[in-house]
Protein backbone atom coordinates (compact mmCIF):
# COMPACT_ATOMS: atom_id res chain seq x y z
CA MET A 1 142.44 45.38 104.16
CA ILE A 2 143.68 48.54 102.51
CA LEU A 3 142.90 49.13 98.85
CA ARG A 4 146.16 50.27 97.32
CA GLU A 5 146.08 52.86 94.54
CA LYS A 6 147.69 50.35 92.16
CA ASP A 7 144.91 47.80 92.80
CA TYR A 8 142.20 50.45 92.50
CA LYS A 9 143.52 51.61 89.12
CA GLU A 10 143.83 48.05 87.82
CA HIS A 11 140.43 46.74 88.94
CA PHE A 12 138.02 49.61 89.74
CA HIS A 13 139.06 52.74 87.80
CA GLY A 14 136.63 53.50 84.99
CA TYR A 15 133.78 51.49 86.55
CA HIS A 16 130.81 52.09 88.83
CA VAL A 17 130.22 49.60 91.65
CA ILE A 18 126.87 47.86 91.14
CA ASP A 19 126.98 45.30 93.95
CA CYS A 20 129.27 43.47 96.35
CA VAL A 21 129.10 40.33 98.45
CA VAL A 22 131.21 38.64 101.13
CA ARG A 23 131.62 34.88 100.58
CA ASP A 24 133.48 34.37 103.84
CA ARG A 25 135.88 36.35 106.00
CA ASN A 26 138.61 36.06 103.35
CA ILE A 27 136.76 36.33 100.01
CA LEU A 28 135.03 39.42 98.61
CA TYR A 29 133.36 40.03 95.23
CA TRP A 30 132.22 43.17 93.40
CA THR A 31 130.20 43.60 90.23
CA LEU A 32 131.06 46.74 88.26
CA LEU A 33 129.70 48.46 85.15
CA SER A 34 131.96 50.57 82.95
CA SER A 35 131.67 54.35 83.12
CA TYR A 36 130.92 56.54 80.12
CA ASP A 37 131.44 60.16 79.12
CA ASP A 38 128.70 62.18 80.88
CA ALA A 39 128.84 64.78 78.09
CA ARG A 40 127.43 62.21 75.64
CA SER A 41 124.26 60.16 75.76
CA PRO A 42 124.83 56.89 77.60
CA PRO A 43 125.21 53.66 75.67
CA PRO A 44 122.78 50.85 76.51
CA ASP A 45 123.95 48.97 79.61
CA GLU A 46 124.30 45.71 77.67
CA GLN A 47 126.91 47.42 75.44
CA ARG A 48 128.95 48.52 78.44
CA THR A 49 131.57 46.29 80.02
CA THR A 50 130.65 44.40 83.19
CA SER A 51 133.48 43.38 85.49
CA ILE A 52 133.48 40.85 88.32
CA VAL A 53 136.32 41.55 90.76
CA SER A 54 137.40 39.10 93.46
CA CYS A 55 139.70 39.64 96.42
CA PHE A 56 141.19 36.78 98.43
CA LEU A 57 142.43 38.34 101.66
CA ASP A 58 144.27 35.20 102.75
CA GLU A 59 146.44 35.31 99.60
CA PRO A 60 148.18 38.70 99.90
CA ASP A 61 150.68 38.04 97.08
CA ASP A 62 147.93 37.19 94.57
CA ALA A 63 144.79 38.62 96.17
CA TRP A 64 143.03 40.16 93.16
CA GLY A 65 141.28 38.60 90.20
CA TRP A 66 138.76 39.75 87.63
CA THR A 67 136.80 38.83 84.56
CA ARG A 68 135.15 41.19 82.10
CA MET A 69 132.24 40.68 79.72
CA THR A 70 129.57 42.50 77.74
CA GLY A 71 125.89 41.73 77.24
CA MET A 72 124.80 42.15 80.88
CA ARG A 73 122.60 44.99 82.09
CA ASP A 74 122.31 44.78 85.85
CA LEU A 75 124.54 42.02 87.25
CA HIS A 76 124.14 41.48 90.98
CA ALA A 77 126.56 39.53 93.18
CA GLY A 78 125.73 36.53 95.31
CA VAL A 79 127.38 33.38 96.61
CA SER A 80 126.55 29.72 96.83
CA LEU A 81 127.80 27.82 99.87
CA LYS A 82 126.44 24.35 99.01
CA PRO A 83 127.27 22.06 97.30
CA GLN A 84 130.35 24.12 96.40
CA GLU A 85 131.34 27.62 97.49
CA ARG A 86 131.41 29.97 94.51
CA PHE A 87 130.39 33.34 93.12
CA VAL A 88 126.90 33.57 91.63
CA GLY A 89 126.03 36.54 89.44
CA VAL A 90 122.40 37.22 88.53
CA ASP A 91 121.28 39.61 85.79
CA LEU A 92 117.57 40.44 86.13
CA ALA A 93 117.26 42.61 83.03
CA ASP A 94 114.10 42.54 80.88
CA ASP A 95 112.10 40.38 83.31
CA ALA A 96 114.38 37.41 82.65
CA ALA A 97 117.16 36.06 84.82
CA ALA A 98 120.60 34.93 83.71
CA ALA A 99 123.02 33.37 86.20
CA ILE A 100 126.81 33.12 86.11
CA THR A 101 128.63 30.68 88.38
């Protein structure tokens, strides 16, 4: 897989990669947190945008997908294989866990 500049700009530009996971040989996920101006004090993480990016290598014409949200601080990527294969995001901020499936 080659990450084209067009796909990078659409899905990754303006974000820092927090985590990534491989669901199987054809499906990849990344969790990203929006960047901020280093010349200013950083906003709280939960006010920054979190993005979940997916890539389906076996669907080259429509490989990329994403969703964006706020309110997360440290979203990590995981997968569930049973009973159904899917992305699982876990935010462990403030000694409490929140899961996204």
